[in-house]
Protein backbone atom coordinates (compact mmCIF):
# COMPACT_ATOMS: atom_id res chain seq x y z
CA MET A 1 0.31 1.14 29.45
CA GLU A 2 3.70 2.74 29.97
CA GLU A 3 5.57 3.56 26.68
CA ILE A 4 8.47 1.35 27.48
CA HIS A 5 6.22 -1.62 27.84
CA LYS A 6 4.42 -0.75 24.57
CA ARG A 7 7.88 -0.73 22.95
CA ILE A 8 8.67 -4.13 24.39
CA LEU A 9 5.45 -5.68 23.07
CA GLN A 10 6.14 -4.01 19.51
CA ARG A 11 9.71 -5.21 19.32
CA ASN A 12 8.77 -8.71 20.30
CA ARG A 13 5.45 -8.89 18.29
CA ILE A 14 6.69 -11.36 15.71
CA ASN A 15 7.62 -13.86 18.43
CA LEU A 16 4.50 -13.28 20.36
CA VAL A 17 2.22 -13.74 17.16
CA ARG A 18 4.20 -16.90 16.25
CA ASP A 19 4.25 -18.62 19.71
CA LEU A 20 1.63 -17.13 21.87
CA ASP A 21 -1.34 -19.26 22.87
CA PRO A 22 -4.04 -16.59 23.32
CA SER A 23 -6.96 -19.02 24.18
CA SER A 24 -5.26 -20.03 27.39
CA LEU A 25 -4.87 -16.33 28.54
CA TYR A 26 -8.49 -15.27 27.98
CA ASP A 27 -9.75 -16.36 31.52
CA GLY A 28 -6.83 -14.95 33.33
CA LEU A 29 -6.94 -11.68 31.63
CA LEU A 30 -10.64 -11.48 32.14
CA GLU A 31 -10.32 -12.38 35.86
CA LYS A 32 -7.73 -9.84 36.45
CA GLY A 33 -9.82 -7.11 34.80
CA VAL A 34 -7.42 -6.47 31.90
CA PHE A 35 -10.19 -7.14 29.33
CA THR A 36 -13.98 -7.28 29.64
CA GLN A 37 -15.90 -10.02 28.17
CA ASP A 38 -16.87 -8.14 25.14
CA MET A 39 -13.13 -7.38 24.40
CA ILE A 40 -12.36 -11.02 24.73
CA ASP A 41 -15.13 -11.94 22.32
CA GLU A 42 -13.83 -9.44 19.75
CA ILE A 43 -10.30 -10.78 19.96
CA LYS A 44 -11.71 -14.31 19.55
CA SER A 45 -13.48 -13.30 16.44
CA ALA A 46 -10.27 -12.18 14.86
CA GLY A 47 -9.92 -15.42 13.16
CA THR A 48 -6.85 -17.91 13.34
CA ARG A 49 -4.68 -18.35 16.40
CA ARG A 50 -1.97 -15.85 14.93
CA ASP A 51 -4.77 -13.34 14.23
CA GLN A 52 -5.98 -13.55 17.64
CA ALA A 53 -2.52 -13.28 19.18
CA ARG A 54 -1.83 -10.20 17.07
CA LYS A 55 -5.05 -8.53 18.07
CA LEU A 56 -4.54 -9.34 21.90
CA VAL A 57 -1.04 -7.83 21.76
CA GLN A 58 -2.36 -4.75 20.02
CA ASP A 59 -5.37 -4.31 22.37
CA LEU A 60 -3.12 -4.71 25.52
CA GLU A 61 -1.35 -1.54 24.69
CA THR A 62 -4.58 0.37 25.44
CA ARG A 63 -5.38 -1.37 28.81
CA GLY A 64 -3.51 0.76 31.28
CA SER A 65 -0.51 0.44 33.41
CA ARG A 66 -1.44 -2.91 34.83
CA ALA A 67 -1.71 -4.66 31.56
CA PHE A 68 1.93 -5.61 30.96
CA ALA A 69 2.57 -7.05 34.47
CA MET A 70 -0.78 -9.03 34.12
CA LEU A 71 0.28 -10.43 30.81
CA LEU A 72 3.52 -11.69 32.46
CA LEU A 73 1.75 -13.31 35.24
CA CYS A 74 -0.81 -14.88 32.85
CA LEU A 75 2.01 -16.28 30.68
CA GLU A 76 3.64 -17.73 33.82
CA GLU A 77 0.30 -19.22 34.99
CA THR A 78 -0.32 -20.90 31.55
CA ASP A 79 3.32 -22.36 31.36
CA GLN A 80 4.33 -19.94 28.60
CA HIS A 81 7.58 -19.27 30.46
CA GLY A 82 9.73 -18.69 27.37
CA LEU A 83 7.55 -15.73 26.26
CA ALA A 84 7.42 -14.48 29.86
CA GLU A 85 11.22 -14.51 30.20
CA LEU A 86 11.69 -12.90 26.68
CA LEU A 87 9.47 -9.94 27.79
CA GLN A 88 10.77 -9.69 31.35
CA ARG A 89 14.34 -9.58 30.36
CA ALA A 90 13.55 -6.18 28.64
CA ALA A 91 11.55 -5.07 31.63
CA PRO A 92 13.50 -5.80 34.90
CA ALA A 93 11.28 -3.45 36.86
CA VAL A 94 8.29 -5.92 36.65
CA GLN A 95 8.70 -8.69 39.16
CA ILE A 96 6.91 -11.87 38.57
CA TRP A 97 7.18 -14.92 40.97
CA PRO A 98 6.26 -18.26 39.53
CA ALA A 99 3.87 -20.30 41.60
CA ALA A 100 5.10 -23.23 43.53
CA PRO A 101 2.91 -26.36 43.50
CA ASN A 102 -0.24 -25.87 45.84
CA GLN A 103 1.11 -22.48 46.79
CA VAL A 104 -1.07 -19.28 46.78
CA VAL A 105 1.17 -16.54 45.26
CA ASP A 106 0.80 -12.75 46.12
CA LEU A 107 -0.19 -10.63 43.23
CA PRO A 108 2.87 -9.09 41.45
CA VAL A 109 4.05 -5.63 42.45
CA VAL A 110 5.76 -3.16 40.08
CA ARG A 111 8.52 -1.09 41.54
CA PRO A 112 8.46 1.74 40.85
CA LEU A 113 5.09 2.22 39.19
CA PRO A 114 3.99 5.60 37.94
CA LEU A 115 0.23 5.65 38.78
CA SER A 116 -1.18 6.86 35.54
CA LEU A 117 -4.64 5.49 35.92
CA CYS A 118 -6.12 6.35 39.24
CA THR A 119 -9.31 4.57 38.51
CA ASP A 120 -7.51 1.17 38.34
CA VAL A 121 -5.94 1.27 41.89
CA GLU A 122 -5.51 3.48 44.82
CA GLN A 123 -2.04 4.09 46.21
CA GLN A 124 -1.30 2.33 49.47
CA GLY A 125 1.77 3.59 51.02
CA LYS A 126 4.82 5.34 49.39
CA ASP A 127 6.69 2.31 48.15
CA ASN A 128 4.48 -0.42 46.99
CA VAL A 129 1.35 -0.12 44.80
CA PRO A 130 -0.67 -3.17 44.38
CA ILE A 131 -1.49 -3.48 40.61
CA TYR A 132 -4.37 -5.69 41.01
CA PRO A 133 -7.47 -4.13 42.68
CA ILE A 134 -8.96 -5.98 45.44
CA GLN A 135 -12.60 -5.63 44.18
CA LYS A 136 -12.91 -5.32 40.47
CA PRO A 137 -15.46 -2.60 39.69
CA SER A 138 -18.35 -3.34 37.42
CA PRO A 139 -17.75 -1.52 34.10
CA SER A 140 -20.14 1.17 33.29
CA PRO A 141 -22.22 0.25 30.25
CA SER A 142 -21.73 2.16 27.12
CA PRO A 143 -24.70 4.10 25.66
CA GLU A 144 -25.38 1.47 22.93
CA ARG A 145 -25.41 -1.46 25.54
CA GLU A 146 -27.16 0.06 28.37
CA ASN A 147 -30.55 -1.60 27.19
CA THR A 148 -29.12 -4.91 26.50
CA LEU A 149 -30.38 -7.61 28.75
CA THR A 150 -27.95 -9.82 30.65
CA ARG A 151 -28.09 -13.33 29.41
CA PRO A 152 -27.19 -16.70 31.03
CA PRO A 153 -23.85 -18.10 30.32
CA GLY A 154 -23.83 -20.24 27.15
CA ARG A 155 -26.93 -18.58 25.70
CA THR A 156 -27.33 -15.86 23.16
CA ARG A 157 -30.52 -14.07 22.87
CA ARG A 158 -31.48 -12.62 19.44
CA ASP A 159 -32.93 -9.59 21.20
CA SER A 160 -29.37 -8.78 22.56
CA ILE A 161 -27.90 -8.44 19.15
CA GLN A 162 -27.25 -4.84 18.31
CA SER A 163 -27.59 -3.00 15.00
CA TYR A 164 -24.96 -0.96 13.41
CA LYS A 165 -25.52 2.84 13.35
CA MET A 166 -26.75 3.64 9.85
CA ASP A 167 -28.31 7.11 10.10
CA ALA A 168 -25.50 9.32 8.79
CA SER A 169 -26.28 11.53 5.77
CA PRO A 170 -24.75 10.52 3.44
CA CYS A 171 -24.50 6.98 4.78
CA GLY A 172 -21.14 6.43 3.21
CA HIS A 173 -19.18 5.87 0.07
CA CYS A 174 -19.78 3.31 -2.52
CA LEU A 175 -17.13 2.50 -5.17
CA ILE A 176 -18.24 0.47 -8.17
CA ILE A 177 -15.41 -0.83 -10.40
CA ASN A 178 -16.99 -2.03 -13.70
CA ASN A 179 -14.70 -3.80 -16.04
CA VAL A 180 -16.25 -4.38 -19.50
CA GLU A 181 -13.73 -4.08 -22.28
CA PHE A 182 -10.46 -6.03 -21.79
CA GLU A 183 -7.16 -5.54 -23.64
CA PRO A 184 -6.48 -8.01 -26.53
CA ASP A 185 -3.26 -9.24 -24.86
CA SER A 186 -5.23 -10.10 -21.72
CA GLU A 187 -7.04 -12.97 -23.74
CA LEU A 188 -10.16 -12.17 -21.69
CA SER A 189 -13.61 -11.62 -23.44
CA ASN A 190 -15.51 -8.37 -23.10
CA ARG A 191 -18.24 -8.60 -20.59
CA LYS A 192 -21.46 -7.67 -22.35
CA GLY A 193 -24.23 -6.90 -20.07
CA SER A 194 -22.14 -5.60 -17.14
CA ASN A 195 -23.13 -1.93 -17.77
CA ILE A 196 -26.63 -3.13 -17.05
CA ASP A 197 -25.42 -4.30 -13.63
CA CYS A 198 -23.53 -1.24 -13.01
CA ASP A 199 -26.43 1.08 -13.76
CA LYS A 200 -28.69 -0.89 -11.38
CA LEU A 201 -26.34 -0.92 -8.51
CA GLU A 202 -25.41 2.83 -9.00
CA LYS A 203 -29.04 3.72 -8.77
CA ARG A 204 -29.80 1.32 -5.89
CA PHE A 205 -27.04 2.53 -3.62
CA LYS A 206 -27.76 6.19 -4.36
CA ALA A 207 -31.30 5.40 -3.25
CA LEU A 208 -29.86 3.86 -0.01
CA ASN A 209 -28.12 7.30 0.58
CA PHE A 210 -24.50 6.47 -0.53
CA ILE A 211 -22.21 8.67 -2.46
CA VAL A 212 -21.60 6.45 -5.47
CA GLU A 213 -18.42 6.61 -7.55
CA VAL A 214 -18.26 4.51 -10.82
CA ARG A 215 -14.78 3.58 -12.31
CA THR A 216 -14.82 1.72 -15.67
CA ASN A 217 -12.11 -0.40 -17.35
CA LEU A 218 -9.35 -0.26 -14.82
CA LYS A 219 -6.03 -2.05 -15.02
CA GLN A 220 -4.74 -3.87 -12.04
CA ARG A 221 -2.61 -1.00 -10.87
CA GLN A 222 -5.57 1.43 -11.29
CA ILE A 223 -7.82 -0.84 -9.24
CA LYS A 224 -5.29 -0.66 -6.41
CA HIS A 225 -5.03 3.08 -6.79
CA ALA A 226 -8.84 3.62 -6.57
CA LEU A 227 -9.03 1.39 -3.54
CA SER A 228 -6.14 3.25 -1.89
CA ALA A 229 -7.76 6.57 -2.55
CA LEU A 230 -11.00 5.26 -1.16
CA SER A 231 -9.15 4.15 2.04
CA LYS A 232 -7.53 7.69 2.49
CA LYS A 233 -10.88 9.43 2.43
CA ASP A 234 -12.17 10.83 5.74
CA HIS A 235 -14.94 8.29 6.70
CA SER A 236 -15.37 9.71 10.21
CA GLN A 237 -18.79 11.29 9.44
CA CYS A 238 -20.00 8.20 7.62
CA ASP A 239 -21.45 4.82 8.93
CA CYS A 240 -20.54 2.43 6.22
CA CYS A 241 -18.52 1.78 3.13
CA VAL A 242 -19.31 -0.38 0.06
CA VAL A 243 -16.91 -1.74 -2.71
CA ILE A 244 -18.55 -3.49 -5.79
CA MET A 245 -16.32 -5.27 -8.26
CA LEU A 246 -17.75 -6.24 -11.65
CA SER A 247 -15.14 -8.23 -13.61
CA HIS A 248 -13.76 -11.46 -14.76
CA GLY A 249 -12.39 -13.63 -11.78
CA THR A 250 -10.36 -16.61 -10.88
CA GLU A 251 -9.46 -18.74 -7.83
CA VAL A 252 -6.07 -18.07 -6.14
CA SER A 253 -4.39 -19.33 -2.97
CA HIS A 254 -5.53 -17.46 0.09
CA ASN A 255 -5.74 -17.57 3.90
CA ARG A 256 -8.73 -15.47 4.53
CA PHE A 257 -10.91 -14.43 1.52
CA PRO A 258 -10.71 -16.57 -1.66
CA GLY A 259 -10.77 -15.43 -5.23
CA ALA A 260 -9.45 -12.48 -7.29
CA VAL A 261 -10.76 -10.09 -9.89
CA TYR A 262 -9.09 -9.09 -13.05
CA GLY A 263 -7.92 -5.62 -14.40
CA VAL A 264 -8.57 -5.16 -18.03
CA ASP A 265 -4.88 -5.69 -18.53
CA GLY A 266 -5.39 -9.38 -17.47
CA GLN A 267 -3.59 -8.87 -14.16
CA HIS A 268 -5.64 -9.98 -11.19
CA VAL A 269 -6.14 -8.41 -7.72
CA PRO A 270 -6.99 -10.85 -4.76
CA VAL A 271 -10.18 -10.29 -2.92
CA GLN A 272 -8.04 -10.52 0.28
CA LEU A 273 -6.07 -7.59 -0.68
CA ILE A 274 -9.02 -5.59 -1.88
CA THR A 275 -10.55 -6.00 1.69
CA ASN A 276 -7.23 -5.11 3.29
CA TYR A 277 -7.52 -1.45 2.04
CA LEU A 278 -10.56 -0.82 4.23
CA ASN A 279 -9.69 -2.58 7.45
CA GLY A 280 -9.12 -0.99 10.71
CA GLN A 281 -5.33 -0.69 10.36
CA HIS A 282 -5.23 0.80 6.82
CA CYS A 283 -8.38 3.12 7.24
CA PRO A 284 -8.84 4.22 10.91
CA SER A 285 -11.92 6.27 10.20
CA LEU A 286 -13.72 3.06 9.39
CA GLN A 287 -12.91 1.29 12.48
CA GLY A 288 -15.91 -0.47 14.05
CA LYS A 289 -17.94 0.38 10.88
CA PRO A 290 -19.32 -2.15 8.40
CA LYS A 291 -17.29 -2.59 5.28
CA LEU A 292 -19.27 -4.48 2.47
CA PHE A 293 -17.76 -6.01 -0.61
CA PHE A 294 -20.04 -7.25 -3.42
CA ILE A 295 -18.02 -9.50 -6.02
CA GLN A 296 -19.68 -10.18 -9.35
CA ALA A 297 -16.98 -12.38 -10.93
CA CYS A 298 -16.24 -16.09 -11.20
CA GLY A 299 -14.60 -17.91 -8.35
CA GLY A 300 -12.97 -20.38 -10.79
CA GLY A 301 -13.71 -22.35 -14.05
CA GLU A 302 -15.91 -25.22 -12.71
CA ARG A 303 -19.39 -25.44 -14.03
CA ASP A 304 -22.08 -26.58 -11.47
CA THR A 305 -24.72 -28.99 -13.01
CA GLY A 306 -26.57 -29.25 -9.76
CA PHE A 307 -28.11 -32.43 -8.28
CA GLU A 308 -31.69 -33.91 -8.51
CA VAL A 309 -34.25 -32.96 -5.93
CA SER A 310 -37.89 -33.74 -5.60
CA PRO A 311 -40.21 -31.38 -7.79
CA ASP A 312 -41.59 -29.50 -4.91
CA GLU A 313 -38.03 -28.60 -3.70
CA VAL A 314 -37.44 -26.16 -6.57
CA GLU A 315 -39.27 -23.90 -8.94
CA PRO A 316 -37.46 -24.22 -12.37
CA SER A 317 -36.23 -20.92 -13.82
CA ILE A 318 -34.36 -21.19 -17.20
CA GLY A 319 -31.61 -18.52 -17.97
CA GLY A 320 -31.28 -16.74 -21.25
CA ALA A 321 -29.78 -18.02 -24.43
CA ASP A 322 -26.99 -15.47 -24.16
CA ASP A 323 -25.70 -16.53 -20.73
CA GLN A 324 -22.09 -16.13 -20.43
CA THR A 325 -19.59 -16.77 -17.53
CA ASP A 326 -16.97 -14.55 -15.97
CA ALA A 327 -14.66 -17.47 -15.38
CA ILE A 328 -10.92 -17.72 -15.86
CA PRO A 329 -9.07 -21.09 -14.89
CA MET A 330 -7.32 -21.04 -11.53
CA SER A 331 -4.11 -19.17 -11.55
CA SER A 332 -0.82 -21.06 -11.63
CA SER A 333 1.38 -21.34 -8.61
CA SER A 334 3.60 -18.44 -10.06
CA ASP A 335 0.39 -16.32 -9.94
CA SER A 336 -0.82 -17.52 -6.57
CA LEU A 337 -1.56 -14.91 -3.83
CA SER A 338 1.50 -13.94 -1.78
CA LEU A 339 0.71 -10.91 0.45
CA SER A 340 4.36 -10.33 1.02
CA ASP A 341 4.84 -9.31 -2.51
CA GLU A 342 2.00 -6.81 -2.56
CA VAL A 343 2.79 -3.15 -1.93
CA ASP A 344 0.03 -2.65 0.63
CA ALA A 345 0.83 -5.93 2.55
CA ARG A 346 1.90 -5.76 6.18
CA ALA A 347 3.92 -8.40 8.15
CA THR A 348 1.08 -8.35 10.56
CA LEU A 349 -2.36 -8.72 9.04
CA PRO A 350 -5.18 -7.07 10.74
CA THR A 351 -8.43 -8.69 11.69
CA PRO A 352 -11.44 -8.92 9.38
CA SER A 353 -14.06 -7.81 11.86
CA ASP A 354 -16.96 -5.66 10.49
CA ILE A 355 -16.38 -6.97 6.98
CA LEU A 356 -18.72 -8.72 4.86
CA VAL A 357 -17.76 -10.22 1.38
CA SER A 358 -20.60 -11.33 -0.80
CA TYR A 359 -19.64 -13.55 -3.75
CA SER A 360 -21.83 -14.04 -6.85
CA THR A 361 -20.83 -17.76 -6.84
CA PHE A 362 -19.31 -20.50 -4.74
CA PRO A 363 -15.42 -20.36 -4.75
CA GLY A 364 -14.11 -22.39 -7.66
CA TYR A 365 -17.23 -22.10 -9.75
CA VAL A 366 -18.32 -19.84 -12.72
CA SER A 367 -20.78 -16.88 -12.39
CA TRP A 368 -23.32 -16.59 -15.03
CA ARG A 369 -24.26 -13.24 -16.91
CA ASP A 370 -27.10 -12.58 -19.47
CA THR A 371 -25.70 -10.17 -22.18
CA GLN A 372 -29.12 -8.55 -22.26
CA SER A 373 -30.37 -8.38 -18.70
CA GLY A 374 -27.06 -8.53 -16.72
CA SER A 375 -25.83 -11.14 -14.24
CA TRP A 376 -28.11 -13.25 -12.18
CA TYR A 377 -26.49 -12.17 -8.96
CA VAL A 378 -26.70 -8.41 -9.51
CA GLU A 379 -30.22 -8.57 -10.92
CA THR A 380 -31.48 -10.54 -7.98
CA LEU A 381 -29.44 -8.41 -5.41
CA ASP A 382 -31.05 -5.31 -6.86
CA GLN A 383 -34.51 -6.69 -6.68
CA VAL A 384 -34.14 -8.02 -3.21
CA LEU A 385 -32.80 -4.54 -1.91
CA GLU A 386 -35.59 -2.79 -3.60
CA GLN A 387 -38.30 -5.06 -2.04
CA ASN A 388 -36.86 -5.77 1.41
CA ALA A 389 -34.30 -3.05 2.67
CA ALA A 390 -37.00 -1.26 4.55
CA THR A 391 -37.81 -4.25 6.75
CA ASP A 392 -34.81 -6.71 6.68
CA ASP A 393 -31.22 -6.68 7.57
CA LEU A 394 -28.46 -7.36 5.08
CA VAL A 395 -27.61 -10.89 5.99
CA THR A 396 -31.23 -11.85 5.76
CA MET A 397 -31.49 -10.31 2.36
CA LEU A 398 -28.32 -11.94 1.00
CA MET A 399 -29.94 -15.42 2.06
CA MET A 400 -32.98 -14.39 -0.12
CA VAL A 401 -30.45 -13.70 -3.00
CA ASN A 402 -28.88 -17.07 -2.45
CA HIS A 403 -32.21 -18.84 -2.70
CA GLU A 404 -33.50 -17.00 -5.79
CA VAL A 405 -30.18 -17.38 -7.76
CA SER A 406 -29.99 -21.12 -6.96
CA GLN A 407 -33.40 -21.53 -8.78
CA ASN A 408 -31.90 -20.40 -12.19
CA SER A 409 -30.46 -22.61 -14.77
CA ALA A 410 -28.09 -21.63 -17.60
CA LYS A 411 -28.83 -23.30 -20.93
CA GLY A 412 -31.19 -25.45 -18.95
CA LEU A 413 -28.36 -27.27 -17.20
CA TYR A 414 -25.92 -25.23 -15.21
CA LYS A 415 -26.50 -23.71 -11.79
CA GLN A 416 -24.97 -21.02 -9.54
CA MET A 417 -24.81 -20.64 -5.69
CA PRO A 418 -23.84 -17.26 -4.27
CA GLY A 419 -22.58 -16.94 -0.74
CA SER A 420 -20.83 -14.62 1.81
CA PHE A 421 -17.94 -14.55 4.23
CA ASN A 422 -19.56 -12.72 7.10
CA PHE A 423 -17.52 -11.00 9.80
CA LEU A 424 -20.20 -8.40 10.87
CA ARG A 425 -20.72 -8.15 14.56
CA LYS A 426 -24.15 -6.45 14.42
CA LEU A 427 -27.27 -6.35 12.18
CA LEU A 428 -27.05 -3.99 9.24
CA HIS A 429 -30.21 -2.20 8.17
CA PHE A 430 -29.85 0.22 5.19
CA GLN A 431 -31.42 3.71 5.01
CA THR A 432 -34.63 3.74 3.12
CA HIS A 433 -37.37 6.36 2.29
CA ALA A 434 -40.12 3.97 3.53
């Protein structure tokens, strides 16, 4: 895309994100060869309408000299005339003729048009250059897709799902933040048994060929600093990144990832902000690579007493006498998440692709921890990784964790249900020595 057109999109990004209806543009942009189906699918996976609009505008800047004019044409075709006029006022060289009823309109022509991508079109004459190719070439498959079978529309084959590259050595960085001893002013209890969790996970991820860094008893600002330092590392030679948070937790307002974890000073950091440090915008060397977050903390203060099932549905397992929770009541409205107040927040939030956040408990509920053997969630996660990492992908293993933890009972009464927010696009298999 020409630099002037990029600047026009950037200057008008707020209006585009606010008003654009991206779903109505997908077919037109696909038909005109601006995006491939895989690119459209990735934009759709961005999340909300605003997130999809934001990613669509960002990706357009990489799609060659035709992309801007094609966007204008698609806006006109989908009756988004206000946005088309807004963009065209700043780009008078791009001529778009709206279609009259039942009238076939010639494809738009850019005068003058520097021919920067010779693979898109061939010049015909000296004055006019068609910016839409008569016959759209079939895209050459990338190396990782060349063995993927073509599937009928509307059907997804399991054997067409790819796997993330996970053969780098080391595989990646793993940051463990282990908050055990809380300041008296925080009014938070010390988390006995958390060191057991930390030791297990440190050994486990070292065995999975990660460089593991453990940070203990961090305040809110120190947590942010540690995450910022991790985001500034060069991950270009790595295939994955892992962040593990062991702390007290609470429920906060959010628009993507729920929950927050506490620093030892009693100030919390939203999970949503934690994930933002490693997204594609803030950490370019992790773009397209899996970012995994494991949160051992309460999602709120509610205790789950479960519901009755038939005896053959469950194998009773009683927790220890020293079971404790990592719960803090939901933050007041004054403490609710407001990304615009955070130092690392951006006016345009990036998409959560290639991110998985695994929670020890369902949002709003407590998470149980045995002072002698550690938390239910971490103990089970460690065992499942040890026994199954050589054969199963991560999402399958997390389902095993969910099942096993759901069988436990604290004090013979209370239950716990882990879960994940999964935005991975491929299967993930850890490195093992097996």
